[in-house]
């Protein structure tokens, strides 16, 4: 039996997500695509009805979110921060937000005095 090469272009994030879904089902992406073609030829229709459990879906989405966060951290130069530095950034942002709330609360007119 001879083989033919098929090449397709897809968005990198779509390919990565598809690969993770296939891996969660115990397949690689190439095997899945071969299965699709074989079933399409056998049944002359789109034949698949499969799904992952919710826990696996949440795990895949979390992985994607972490990958996106890591890419942003690299983009903004924060990729090499230690956990202590990250926690200090968070604490500083919280202090800043609390200070803004305190200023807003002090400058708001008292609703009871208006009556």
PDB file of N, CA and C in Angstrom:
ATOM      1  N   UNK A   1       0.846  -1.165   0.000  1.00  0.00           N
ATOM      2  CA  UNK A   1       0.000   0.000   0.000  1.00  0.00           C
ATOM      3  C   UNK A   1       0.898   1.237   0.000  1.00  0.00           C
ATOM      4  N   UNK A   2       0.652   2.144  -0.904  1.00  0.00           N
ATOM      5  CA  UNK A   2       1.448   3.366  -0.954  1.00  0.00           C
ATOM      6  C   UNK A   2       0.854   4.428  -0.038  1.00  0.00           C
ATOM      7  N   UNK A   3       1.681   5.374   0.341  1.00  0.00           N
ATOM      8  CA  UNK A   3       1.256   6.449   1.237  1.00  0.00           C
ATOM      9  C   UNK A   3       1.396   7.784   0.538  1.00  0.00           C
ATOM     10  N   UNK A   4       0.563   8.721   0.959  1.00  0.00           N
ATOM     11  CA  UNK A   4       0.644  10.086   0.454  1.00  0.00           C
ATOM     12  C   UNK A   4       0.821  11.032   1.634  1.00  0.00           C
ATOM     13  N   UNK A   5       1.555  12.096   1.400  1.00  0.00           N
ATOM     14  CA  UNK A   5       1.772  13.101   2.417  1.00  0.00           C
ATOM     15  C   UNK A   5       0.692  14.169   2.300  1.00  0.00           C
ATOM     16  N   UNK A   6       0.079  14.510   3.430  1.00  0.00           N
ATOM     17  CA  UNK A   6      -0.893  15.597   3.495  1.00  0.00           C
ATOM     18  C   UNK A   6      -0.322  16.644   4.435  1.00  0.00           C
ATOM     19  N   UNK A   7      -0.270  17.881   3.971  1.00  0.00           N
ATOM     20  CA  UNK A   7       0.187  18.976   4.820  1.00  0.00           C
ATOM     21  C   UNK A   7      -0.939  19.986   4.968  1.00  0.00           C
ATOM     22  N   UNK A   8      -1.138  20.445   6.194  1.00  0.00           N
ATOM     23  CA  UNK A   8      -2.137  21.479   6.438  1.00  0.00           C
ATOM     24  C   UNK A   8      -1.518  22.550   7.325  1.00  0.00           C
ATOM     25  N   UNK A   9      -2.031  23.730   7.229  1.00  0.00           N
ATOM     26  CA  UNK A   9      -1.597  24.820   8.104  1.00  0.00           C
ATOM     27  C   UNK A   9      -2.750  25.146   9.054  1.00  0.00           C
ATOM     28  N   UNK A  10      -2.441  25.167  10.335  1.00  0.00           N
ATOM     29  CA  UNK A  10      -3.417  25.545  11.348  1.00  0.00           C
ATOM     30  C   UNK A  10      -2.724  26.461  12.344  1.00  0.00           C
ATOM     31  N   UNK A  11      -3.521  27.249  13.037  1.00  0.00           N
ATOM     32  CA  UNK A  11      -3.015  28.113  14.086  1.00  0.00           C
ATOM     33  C   UNK A  11      -2.281  27.262  15.127  1.00  0.00           C
ATOM     34  N   UNK A  12      -1.155  27.743  15.597  1.00  0.00           N
ATOM     35  CA  UNK A  12      -0.338  26.979  16.546  1.00  0.00           C
ATOM     36  C   UNK A  12      -1.118  26.622  17.808  1.00  0.00           C
ATOM     37  N   UNK A  13      -1.891  27.559  18.333  1.00  0.00           N
ATOM     38  CA  UNK A  13      -2.641  27.256  19.555  1.00  0.00           C
ATOM     39  C   UNK A  13      -3.712  26.202  19.297  1.00  0.00           C
ATOM     40  N   UNK A  14      -4.329  26.220  18.104  1.00  0.00           N
ATOM     41  CA  UNK A  14      -5.329  25.199  17.770  1.00  0.00           C
ATOM     42  C   UNK A  14      -4.668  23.826  17.659  1.00  0.00           C
ATOM     43  N   UNK A  15      -3.495  23.777  17.054  1.00  0.00           N
ATOM     44  CA  UNK A  15      -2.763  22.508  16.936  1.00  0.00           C
ATOM     45  C   UNK A  15      -2.370  21.990  18.322  1.00  0.00           C
ATOM     46  N   UNK A  16      -1.868  22.889  19.182  1.00  0.00           N
ATOM     47  CA  UNK A  16      -1.459  22.469  20.525  1.00  0.00           C
ATOM     48  C   UNK A  16      -2.645  21.939  21.325  1.00  0.00           C
ATOM     49  N   UNK A  17      -3.784  22.615  21.237  1.00  0.00           N
ATOM     50  CA  UNK A  17      -4.981  22.153  21.943  1.00  0.00           C
ATOM     51  C   UNK A  17      -5.422  20.794  21.412  1.00  0.00           C
ATOM     52  N   UNK A  18      -5.465  20.641  20.090  1.00  0.00           N
ATOM     53  CA  UNK A  18      -5.860  19.361  19.491  1.00  0.00           C
ATOM     54  C   UNK A  18      -4.909  18.247  19.920  1.00  0.00           C
ATOM     55  N   UNK A  19      -3.613  18.537  19.970  1.00  0.00           N
ATOM     56  CA  UNK A  19      -2.633  17.536  20.403  1.00  0.00           C
ATOM     57  C   UNK A  19      -2.874  17.119  21.852  1.00  0.00           C
ATOM     58  N   UNK A  20      -3.168  18.112  22.713  1.00  0.00           N
ATOM     59  CA  UNK A  20      -3.419  17.799  24.127  1.00  0.00           C
ATOM     60  C   UNK A  20      -4.687  16.969  24.288  1.00  0.00           C
ATOM     61  N   UNK A  21      -5.717  17.282  23.525  1.00  0.00           N
ATOM     62  CA  UNK A  21      -6.959  16.505  23.590  1.00  0.00           C
ATOM     63  C   UNK A  21      -6.700  15.075  23.147  1.00  0.00           C
ATOM     64  N   UNK A  22      -5.991  14.913  22.038  1.00  0.00           N
ATOM     65  CA  UNK A  22      -5.680  13.559  21.552  1.00  0.00           C
ATOM     66  C   UNK A  22      -4.859  12.789  22.574  1.00  0.00           C
ATOM     67  N   UNK A  23      -3.852  13.436  23.152  1.00  0.00           N
ATOM     68  CA  UNK A  23      -3.017  12.772  24.154  1.00  0.00           C
ATOM     69  C   UNK A  23      -3.854  12.335  25.359  1.00  0.00           C
ATOM     70  N   UNK A  24      -4.828  13.153  25.737  1.00  0.00           N
ATOM     71  CA  UNK A  24      -5.702  12.793  26.861  1.00  0.00           C
ATOM     72  C   UNK A  24      -6.532  11.559  26.537  1.00  0.00           C
ATOM     73  N   UNK A  25      -6.758  11.307  25.250  1.00  0.00           N
ATOM     74  CA  UNK A  25      -7.514  10.133  24.811  1.00  0.00           C
ATOM     75  C   UNK A  25      -6.602   8.973  24.447  1.00  0.00           C
ATOM     76  N   UNK A  26      -5.282   9.159  24.634  1.00  0.00           N
ATOM     77  CA  UNK A  26      -4.334   8.089  24.359  1.00  0.00           C
ATOM     78  C   UNK A  26      -3.894   8.001  22.913  1.00  0.00           C
ATOM     79  N   UNK A  27      -4.040   9.089  22.171  1.00  0.00           N
ATOM     80  CA  UNK A  27      -3.654   9.123  20.757  1.00  0.00           C
ATOM     81  C   UNK A  27      -2.661  10.241  20.517  1.00  0.00           C
ATOM     82  N   UNK A  28      -2.014  10.186  19.361  1.00  0.00           N
ATOM     83  CA  UNK A  28      -1.309  11.385  18.927  1.00  0.00           C
ATOM     84  C   UNK A  28      -2.135  12.013  17.801  1.00  0.00           C
ATOM     85  N   UNK A  29      -1.832  13.236  17.470  1.00  0.00           N
ATOM     86  CA  UNK A  29      -2.633  13.972  16.501  1.00  0.00           C
ATOM     87  C   UNK A  29      -2.618  13.300  15.123  1.00  0.00           C
ATOM     88  N   UNK A  30      -1.488  12.775  14.720  1.00  0.00           N
ATOM     89  CA  UNK A  30      -1.389  12.119  13.411  1.00  0.00           C
ATOM     90  C   UNK A  30      -2.297  10.887  13.331  1.00  0.00           C
ATOM     91  N   UNK A  31      -2.330  10.101  14.409  1.00  0.00           N
ATOM     92  CA  UNK A  31      -3.201   8.923  14.432  1.00  0.00           C
ATOM     93  C   UNK A  31      -4.662   9.338  14.352  1.00  0.00           C
ATOM     94  N   UNK A  32      -5.023  10.373  15.094  1.00  0.00           N
ATOM     95  CA  UNK A  32      -6.395  10.873  15.045  1.00  0.00           C
ATOM     96  C   UNK A  32      -6.770  11.290  13.622  1.00  0.00           C
ATOM     97  N   UNK A  33      -5.894  12.021  12.962  1.00  0.00           N
ATOM     98  CA  UNK A  33      -6.198  12.486  11.606  1.00  0.00           C
ATOM     99  C   UNK A  33      -6.324  11.301  10.635  1.00  0.00           C
ATOM    100  N   UNK A  34      -5.498  10.283  10.802  1.00  0.00           N
ATOM    101  CA  UNK A  34      -5.636   9.077   9.963  1.00  0.00           C
ATOM    102  C   UNK A  34      -6.970   8.382  10.235  1.00  0.00           C
ATOM    103  N   UNK A  35      -7.373   8.336  11.519  1.00  0.00           N
ATOM    104  CA  UNK A  35      -8.675   7.741  11.872  1.00  0.00           C
ATOM    105  C   UNK A  35      -9.814   8.515  11.211  1.00  0.00           C
ATOM    106  N   UNK A  36      -9.720   9.824  11.238  1.00  0.00           N
ATOM    107  CA  UNK A  36     -10.757  10.654  10.606  1.00  0.00           C
ATOM    108  C   UNK A  36     -10.913  10.328   9.127  1.00  0.00           C
ATOM    109  N   UNK A  37      -9.801  10.241   8.437  1.00  0.00           N
ATOM    110  CA  UNK A  37      -9.855   9.954   7.002  1.00  0.00           C
ATOM    111  C   UNK A  37     -10.407   8.556   6.749  1.00  0.00           C
ATOM    112  N   UNK A  38      -9.973   7.572   7.544  1.00  0.00           N
ATOM    113  CA  UNK A  38     -10.457   6.200   7.353  1.00  0.00           C
ATOM    114  C   UNK A  38     -11.963   6.116   7.585  1.00  0.00           C
ATOM    115  N   UNK A  39     -12.458   6.735   8.654  1.00  0.00           N
ATOM    116  CA  UNK A  39     -13.902   6.695   8.937  1.00  0.00           C
ATOM    117  C   UNK A  39     -14.701   7.485   7.907  1.00  0.00           C
ATOM    118  N   UNK A  40     -14.181   8.600   7.469  1.00  0.00           N
ATOM    119  CA  UNK A  40     -14.844   9.387   6.432  1.00  0.00           C
ATOM    120  C   UNK A  40     -15.011   8.552   5.167  1.00  0.00           C
ATOM    121  N   UNK A  41     -13.968   7.832   4.803  1.00  0.00           N
ATOM    122  CA  UNK A  41     -14.029   6.973   3.609  1.00  0.00           C
ATOM    123  C   UNK A  41     -14.987   5.802   3.798  1.00  0.00           C
ATOM    124  N   UNK A  42     -15.044   5.219   4.992  1.00  0.00           N
ATOM    125  CA  UNK A  42     -15.928   4.082   5.246  1.00  0.00           C
ATOM    126  C   UNK A  42     -17.391   4.486   5.283  1.00  0.00           C
ATOM    127  N   UNK A  43     -17.696   5.581   5.972  1.00  0.00           N
ATOM    128  CA  UNK A  43     -19.086   5.937   6.248  1.00  0.00           C
ATOM    129  C   UNK A  43     -19.635   7.045   5.352  1.00  0.00           C
ATOM    130  N   UNK A  44     -18.751   7.690   4.611  1.00  0.00           N
ATOM    131  CA  UNK A  44     -19.155   8.777   3.710  1.00  0.00           C
ATOM    132  C   UNK A  44     -19.874   9.906   4.457  1.00  0.00           C
ATOM    133  N   UNK A  45     -19.471  10.136   5.698  1.00  0.00           N
ATOM    134  CA  UNK A  45     -20.001  11.226   6.519  1.00  0.00           C
ATOM    135  C   UNK A  45     -19.018  11.494   7.645  1.00  0.00           C
ATOM    136  N   UNK A  46     -19.224  12.587   8.354  1.00  0.00           N
ATOM    137  CA  UNK A  46     -18.411  12.883   9.530  1.00  0.00           C
ATOM    138  C   UNK A  46     -18.944  12.005  10.659  1.00  0.00           C
ATOM    139  N   UNK A  47     -18.186  11.005  11.102  1.00  0.00           N
ATOM    140  CA  UNK A  47     -18.746   9.956  11.956  1.00  0.00           C
ATOM    141  C   UNK A  47     -18.488  10.067  13.458  1.00  0.00           C
ATOM    142  N   UNK A  48     -17.720  11.031  13.906  1.00  0.00           N
ATOM    143  CA  UNK A  48     -17.259  10.976  15.283  1.00  0.00           C
ATOM    144  C   UNK A  48     -18.176  11.674  16.266  1.00  0.00           C
ATOM    145  N   UNK A  49     -18.354  11.040  17.404  1.00  0.00           N
ATOM    146  CA  UNK A  49     -19.078  11.614  18.525  1.00  0.00           C
ATOM    147  C   UNK A  49     -18.364  11.166  19.792  1.00  0.00           C
ATOM    148  N   UNK A  50     -17.291  11.860  20.138  1.00  0.00           N
ATOM    149  CA  UNK A  50     -16.530  11.528  21.335  1.00  0.00           C
ATOM    150  C   UNK A  50     -16.360  12.778  22.167  1.00  0.00           C
ATOM    151  N   UNK A  51     -16.094  12.595  23.443  1.00  0.00           N
ATOM    152  CA  UNK A  51     -15.908  13.742  24.326  1.00  0.00           C
ATOM    153  C   UNK A  51     -15.002  13.365  25.490  1.00  0.00           C
ATOM    154  N   UNK A  52     -14.372  14.385  26.054  1.00  0.00           N
ATOM    155  CA  UNK A  52     -13.562  14.204  27.250  1.00  0.00           C
ATOM    156  C   UNK A  52     -14.418  14.493  28.477  1.00  0.00           C
ATOM    157  N   UNK A  53     -14.010  13.927  29.618  1.00  0.00           N
ATOM    158  CA  UNK A  53     -14.719  14.248  30.855  1.00  0.00           C
ATOM    159  C   UNK A  53     -14.343  15.667  31.292  1.00  0.00           C
ATOM    160  N   UNK A  54     -15.177  16.262  32.123  1.00  0.00           N
ATOM    161  CA  UNK A  54     -15.011  17.664  32.520  1.00  0.00           C
ATOM    162  C   UNK A  54     -13.673  17.913  33.210  1.00  0.00           C
ATOM    163  N   UNK A  55     -13.218  16.977  34.025  1.00  0.00           N
ATOM    164  CA  UNK A  55     -11.949  17.152  34.748  1.00  0.00           C
ATOM    165  C   UNK A  55     -10.784  17.277  33.764  1.00  0.00           C
ATOM    166  N   UNK A  56     -10.783  16.470  32.724  1.00  0.00           N
ATOM    167  CA  UNK A  56      -9.727  16.527  31.727  1.00  0.00           C
ATOM    168  C   UNK A  56      -9.787  17.838  30.951  1.00  0.00           C
ATOM    169  N   UNK A  57     -10.996  18.279  30.614  1.00  0.00           N
ATOM    170  CA  UNK A  57     -11.161  19.544  29.892  1.00  0.00           C
ATOM    171  C   UNK A  57     -10.624  20.703  30.725  1.00  0.00           C
ATOM    172  N   UNK A  58     -10.953  20.716  32.016  1.00  0.00           N
ATOM    173  CA  UNK A  58     -10.472  21.775  32.904  1.00  0.00           C
ATOM    174  C   UNK A  58      -8.943  21.745  32.961  1.00  0.00           C
ATOM    175  N   UNK A  59      -8.364  20.558  33.028  1.00  0.00           N
ATOM    176  CA  UNK A  59      -6.909  20.431  33.056  1.00  0.00           C
ATOM    177  C   UNK A  59      -6.259  20.974  31.795  1.00  0.00           C
ATOM    178  N   UNK A  60      -6.845  20.673  30.653  1.00  0.00           N
ATOM    179  CA  UNK A  60      -6.302  21.170  29.386  1.00  0.00           C
ATOM    180  C   UNK A  60      -6.405  22.690  29.331  1.00  0.00           C
ATOM    181  N   UNK A  61      -7.557  23.231  29.730  1.00  0.00           N
ATOM    182  CA  UNK A  61      -7.727  24.691  29.730  1.00  0.00           C
ATOM    183  C   UNK A  61      -6.743  25.355  30.687  1.00  0.00           C
ATOM    184  N   UNK A  62      -6.487  24.724  31.836  1.00  0.00           N
ATOM    185  CA  UNK A  62      -5.529  25.280  32.790  1.00  0.00           C
ATOM    186  C   UNK A  62      -4.125  25.293  32.198  1.00  0.00           C
ATOM    187  N   UNK A  63      -3.763  24.231  31.498  1.00  0.00           N
ATOM    188  CA  UNK A  63      -2.457  24.169  30.857  1.00  0.00           C
ATOM    189  C   UNK A  63      -2.305  25.275  29.824  1.00  0.00           C
ATOM    190  N   UNK A  64      -3.352  25.495  29.051  1.00  0.00           N
ATOM    191  CA  UNK A  64      -3.318  26.551  28.044  1.00  0.00           C
ATOM    192  C   UNK A  64      -3.182  27.915  28.715  1.00  0.00           C
ATOM    193  N   UNK A  65      -3.925  28.134  29.800  1.00  0.00           N
ATOM    194  CA  UNK A  65      -3.840  29.409  30.524  1.00  0.00           C
ATOM    195  C   UNK A  65      -2.432  29.634  31.071  1.00  0.00           C
ATOM    196  N   UNK A  66      -1.821  28.574  31.602  1.00  0.00           N
ATOM    197  CA  UNK A  66      -0.453  28.701  32.118  1.00  0.00           C
ATOM    198  C   UNK A  66       0.529  28.994  30.989  1.00  0.00           C
ATOM    199  N   UNK A  67       0.349  28.341  29.842  1.00  0.00           N
ATOM    200  CA  UNK A  67       1.213  28.604  28.691  1.00  0.00           C
ATOM    201  C   UNK A  67       1.083  30.055  28.239  1.00  0.00           C
ATOM    202  N   UNK A  68      -0.147  30.558  28.210  1.00  0.00           N
ATOM    203  CA  UNK A  68      -0.375  31.956  27.819  1.00  0.00           C
ATOM    204  C   UNK A  68       0.250  32.912  28.829  1.00  0.00           C
ATOM    205  N   UNK A  69       0.106  32.600  30.112  1.00  0.00           N
ATOM    206  CA  UNK A  69       0.693  33.442  31.154  1.00  0.00           C
ATOM    207  C   UNK A  69       2.218  33.443  31.057  1.00  0.00           C
ATOM    208  N   UNK A  70       2.797  32.287  30.788  1.00  0.00           N
ATOM    209  CA  UNK A  70       4.254  32.197  30.641  1.00  0.00           C
ATOM    210  C   UNK A  70       4.724  33.010  29.443  1.00  0.00           C
ATOM    211  N   UNK A  71       3.972  32.961  28.345  1.00  0.00           N
ATOM    212  CA  UNK A  71       4.337  33.737  27.158  1.00  0.00           C
ATOM    213  C   UNK A  71       4.286  35.234  27.461  1.00  0.00           C
ATOM    214  N   UNK A  72       3.258  35.660  28.191  1.00  0.00           N
ATOM    215  CA  UNK A  72       3.159  37.078  28.571  1.00  0.00           C
ATOM    216  C   UNK A  72       4.300  37.471  29.505  1.00  0.00           C
ATOM    217  N   UNK A  73       4.628  36.590  30.437  1.00  0.00           N
ATOM    218  CA  UNK A  73       5.721  36.879  31.367  1.00  0.00           C
ATOM    219  C   UNK A  73       7.030  37.064  30.600  1.00  0.00           C
ATOM    220  N   UNK A  74       7.272  36.210  29.604  1.00  0.00           N
ATOM    221  CA  UNK A  74       8.473  36.360  28.776  1.00  0.00           C
ATOM    222  C   UNK A  74       8.418  37.671  28.001  1.00  0.00           C
ATOM    223  N   UNK A  75       7.249  37.980  27.459  1.00  0.00           N
ATOM    224  CA  UNK A  75       7.068  39.189  26.656  1.00  0.00           C
ATOM    225  C   UNK A  75       7.368  40.455  27.466  1.00  0.00           C
ATOM    226  N   UNK A  76       6.941  40.476  28.733  1.00  0.00           N
ATOM    227  CA  UNK A  76       7.119  41.660  29.568  1.00  0.00           C
ATOM    228  C   UNK A  76       8.357  41.593  30.462  1.00  0.00           C
ATOM    229  N   UNK A  77       9.164  40.549  30.306  1.00  0.00           N
ATOM    230  CA  UNK A  77      10.403  40.458  31.060  1.00  0.00           C
ATOM    231  C   UNK A  77      10.260  39.980  32.489  1.00  0.00           C
ATOM    232  N   UNK A  78       9.175  39.279  32.810  1.00  0.00           N
ATOM    233  CA  UNK A  78       8.954  38.790  34.162  1.00  0.00           C
ATOM    234  C   UNK A  78       9.183  37.286  34.306  1.00  0.00           C
ATOM    235  N   UNK A  79       9.644  36.632  33.279  1.00  0.00           N
ATOM    236  CA  UNK A  79       9.736  35.171  33.287  1.00  0.00           C
ATOM    237  C   UNK A  79      10.726  34.639  34.315  1.00  0.00           C
ATOM    238  N   UNK A  80      11.717  35.452  34.686  1.00  0.00           N
ATOM    239  CA  UNK A  80      12.746  34.973  35.609  1.00  0.00           C
ATOM    240  C   UNK A  80      12.493  35.375  37.053  1.00  0.00           C
ATOM    241  N   UNK A  81      11.283  35.877  37.359  1.00  0.00           N
ATOM    242  CA  UNK A  81      10.979  36.283  38.733  1.00  0.00           C
ATOM    243  C   UNK A  81      10.862  35.067  39.647  1.00  0.00           C
ATOM    244  N   UNK A  82      11.329  35.242  40.880  1.00  0.00           N
ATOM    245  CA  UNK A  82      11.170  34.173  41.867  1.00  0.00           C
ATOM    246  C   UNK A  82       9.764  34.238  42.443  1.00  0.00           C
ATOM    247  N   UNK A  83       9.379  33.199  43.151  1.00  0.00           N
ATOM    248  CA  UNK A  83       8.067  33.174  43.788  1.00  0.00           C
ATOM    249  C   UNK A  83       7.937  34.316  44.794  1.00  0.00           C
ATOM    250  N   UNK A  84       9.009  34.598  45.544  1.00  0.00           N
ATOM    251  CA  UNK A  84       8.983  35.708  46.498  1.00  0.00           C
ATOM    252  C   UNK A  84       8.757  37.043  45.789  1.00  0.00           C
ATOM    253  N   UNK A  85       9.408  37.236  44.644  1.00  0.00           N
ATOM    254  CA  UNK A  85       9.226  38.479  43.889  1.00  0.00           C
ATOM    255  C   UNK A  85       7.794  38.592  43.359  1.00  0.00           C
ATOM    256  N   UNK A  86       7.253  37.490  42.893  1.00  0.00           N
ATOM    257  CA  UNK A  86       5.869  37.488  42.404  1.00  0.00           C
ATOM    258  C   UNK A  86       4.911  37.827  43.550  1.00  0.00           C
ATOM    259  N   UNK A  87       5.112  37.188  44.706  1.00  0.00           N
ATOM    260  CA  UNK A  87       4.249  37.458  45.860  1.00  0.00           C
ATOM    261  C   UNK A  87       4.357  38.916  46.306  1.00  0.00           C
ATOM    262  N   UNK A  88       5.553  39.501  46.251  1.00  0.00           N
ATOM    263  CA  UNK A  88       5.718  40.911  46.614  1.00  0.00           C
ATOM    264  C   UNK A  88       4.993  41.813  45.618  1.00  0.00           C
ATOM    265  N   UNK A  89       5.038  41.476  44.323  1.00  0.00           N
ATOM    266  CA  UNK A  89       4.292  42.246  43.310  1.00  0.00           C
ATOM    267  C   UNK A  89       2.792  42.204  43.609  1.00  0.00           C
ATOM    268  N   UNK A  90       2.301  41.029  43.957  1.00  0.00           N
ATOM    269  CA  UNK A  90       0.880  40.881  44.282  1.00  0.00           C
ATOM    270  C   UNK A  90       0.534  41.697  45.527  1.00  0.00           C
ATOM    271  N   UNK A  91       1.367  41.600  46.556  1.00  0.00           N
ATOM    272  CA  UNK A  91       1.123  42.343  47.793  1.00  0.00           C
ATOM    273  C   UNK A  91       1.136  43.849  47.527  1.00  0.00           C
ATOM    274  N   UNK A  92       2.053  44.319  46.704  1.00  0.00           N
ATOM    275  CA  UNK A  92       2.125  45.748  46.388  1.00  0.00           C
ATOM    276  C   UNK A  92       0.872  46.190  45.635  1.00  0.00           C
ATOM    277  N   UNK A  93       0.406  45.371  44.705  1.00  0.00           N
ATOM    278  CA  UNK A  93      -0.810  45.707  43.959  1.00  0.00           C
ATOM    279  C   UNK A  93      -2.016  45.750  44.891  1.00  0.00           C
ATOM    280  N   UNK A  94      -2.065  44.839  45.847  1.00  0.00           N
ATOM    281  CA  UNK A  94      -3.173  44.838  46.820  1.00  0.00           C
ATOM    282  C   UNK A  94      -3.115  46.083  47.713  1.00  0.00           C
ATOM    283  N   UNK A  95      -1.910  46.456  48.157  1.00  0.00           N
ATOM    284  CA  UNK A  95      -1.774  47.665  48.981  1.00  0.00           C
ATOM    285  C   UNK A  95      -2.227  48.892  48.197  1.00  0.00           C
ATOM    286  N   UNK A  96      -1.838  48.949  46.951  1.00  0.00           N
ATOM    287  CA  UNK A  96      -2.225  50.062  46.089  1.00  0.00           C
ATOM    288  C   UNK A  96      -3.746  50.123  45.923  1.00  0.00           C
ATOM    289  N   UNK A  97      -4.372  48.970  45.694  1.00  0.00           N
ATOM    290  CA  UNK A  97      -5.833  48.923  45.543  1.00  0.00           C
ATOM    291  C   UNK A  97      -6.524  49.328  46.840  1.00  0.00           C
ATOM    292  N   UNK A  98      -6.006  48.862  47.980  1.00  0.00           N
ATOM    293  CA  UNK A  98      -6.586  49.229  49.278  1.00  0.00           C
ATOM    294  C   UNK A  98      -6.467  50.730  49.521  1.00  0.00           C
ATOM    295  N   UNK A  99      -5.336  51.316  49.165  1.00  0.00           N
ATOM    296  CA  UNK A  99      -5.136  52.760  49.342  1.00  0.00           C
ATOM    297  C   UNK A  99      -6.115  53.544  48.476  1.00  0.00           C
ATOM    298  N   UNK A 100      -6.341  53.085  47.233  1.00  0.00           N
ATOM    299  CA  UNK A 100      -7.311  53.751  46.350  1.00  0.00           C
ATOM    300  C   UNK A 100      -8.718  53.671  46.939  1.00  0.00           C
ATOM    301  N   UNK A 101      -9.078  52.503  47.467  1.00  0.00           N
ATOM    302  CA  UNK A 101     -10.405  52.346  48.080  1.00  0.00           C
ATOM    303  C   UNK A 101     -10.568  53.280  49.267  1.00  0.00           C
ATOM    304  N   UNK A 102      -9.514  53.391  50.073  1.00  0.00           N
ATOM    305  CA  UNK A 102      -9.572  54.245  51.256  1.00  0.00           C
ATOM    306  C   UNK A 102      -9.767  55.707  50.854  1.00  0.00           C
ATOM    307  N   UNK A 103      -9.058  56.149  49.820  1.00  0.00           N
ATOM    308  CA  UNK A 103      -9.208  57.521  49.332  1.00  0.00           C
ATOM    309  C   UNK A 103     -10.611  57.740  48.787  1.00  0.00           C
ATOM    310  N   UNK A 104     -11.123  56.782  48.021  1.00  0.00           N
ATOM    311  CA  UNK A 104     -12.465  56.898  47.457  1.00  0.00           C
ATOM    312  C   UNK A 104     -13.519  56.957  48.561  1.00  0.00           C
ATOM    313  N   UNK A 105     -13.345  56.159  49.596  1.00  0.00           N
ATOM    314  CA  UNK A 105     -14.302  56.120  50.703  1.00  0.00           C
ATOM    315  C   UNK A 105     -14.313  57.443  51.459  1.00  0.00           C
ATOM    316  N   UNK A 106     -13.144  58.049  51.659  1.00  0.00           N
ATOM    317  CA  UNK A 106     -13.045  59.312  52.394  1.00  0.00           C
ATOM    318  C   UNK A 106     -13.599  60.481  51.592  1.00  0.00           C
ATOM    319  N   UNK A 107     -13.551  60.411  50.271  1.00  0.00           N
ATOM    320  CA  UNK A 107     -14.010  61.530  49.441  1.00  0.00           C
ATOM    321  C   UNK A 107     -15.472  61.426  49.031  1.00  0.00           C
ATOM    322  N   UNK A 108     -16.125  60.295  49.295  1.00  0.00           N
ATOM    323  CA  UNK A 108     -17.538  60.149  48.948  1.00  0.00           C
ATOM    324  C   UNK A 108     -18.387  60.921  49.941  1.00  0.00           C
ATOM    325  N   UNK A 109     -19.410  61.660  49.460  1.00  0.00           N
ATOM    326  CA  UNK A 109     -20.289  62.373  50.386  1.00  0.00           C
ATOM    327  C   UNK A 109     -21.090  61.367  51.196  1.00  0.00           C
ATOM    328  N   UNK A 110     -21.374  61.731  52.441  1.00  0.00           N
ATOM    329  CA  UNK A 110     -22.133  60.854  53.328  1.00  0.00           C
ATOM    330  C   UNK A 110     -23.599  60.950  52.964  1.00  0.00           C
ATOM    331  N   UNK A 111     -24.195  59.845  52.590  1.00  0.00           N
ATOM    332  CA  UNK A 111     -25.584  59.806  52.124  1.00  0.00           C
ATOM    333  C   UNK A 111     -26.549  60.226  53.226  1.00  0.00           C
ATOM    334  N   UNK A 112     -26.229  59.953  54.480  1.00  0.00           N
ATOM    335  CA  UNK A 112     -27.135  60.288  55.591  1.00  0.00           C
ATOM    336  C   UNK A 112     -27.203  61.784  55.838  1.00  0.00           C
ATOM    337  N   UNK A 113     -26.139  62.542  55.554  1.00  0.00           N
ATOM    338  CA  UNK A 113     -26.122  63.969  55.789  1.00  0.00           C
ATOM    339  C   UNK A 113     -27.020  64.714  54.804  1.00  0.00           C
ATOM    340  N   UNK A 114     -27.290  64.104  53.644  1.00  0.00           N
ATOM    341  CA  UNK A 114     -28.104  64.745  52.623  1.00  0.00           C
ATOM    342  C   UNK A 114     -29.583  64.747  52.976  1.00  0.00           C
ATOM    343  N   UNK A 115     -30.026  63.942  53.903  1.00  0.00           N
ATOM    344  CA  UNK A 115     -31.461  63.858  54.211  1.00  0.00           C
ATOM    345  C   UNK A 115     -31.887  64.803  55.279  1.00  0.00           C
TER     346      UNK A 115
END
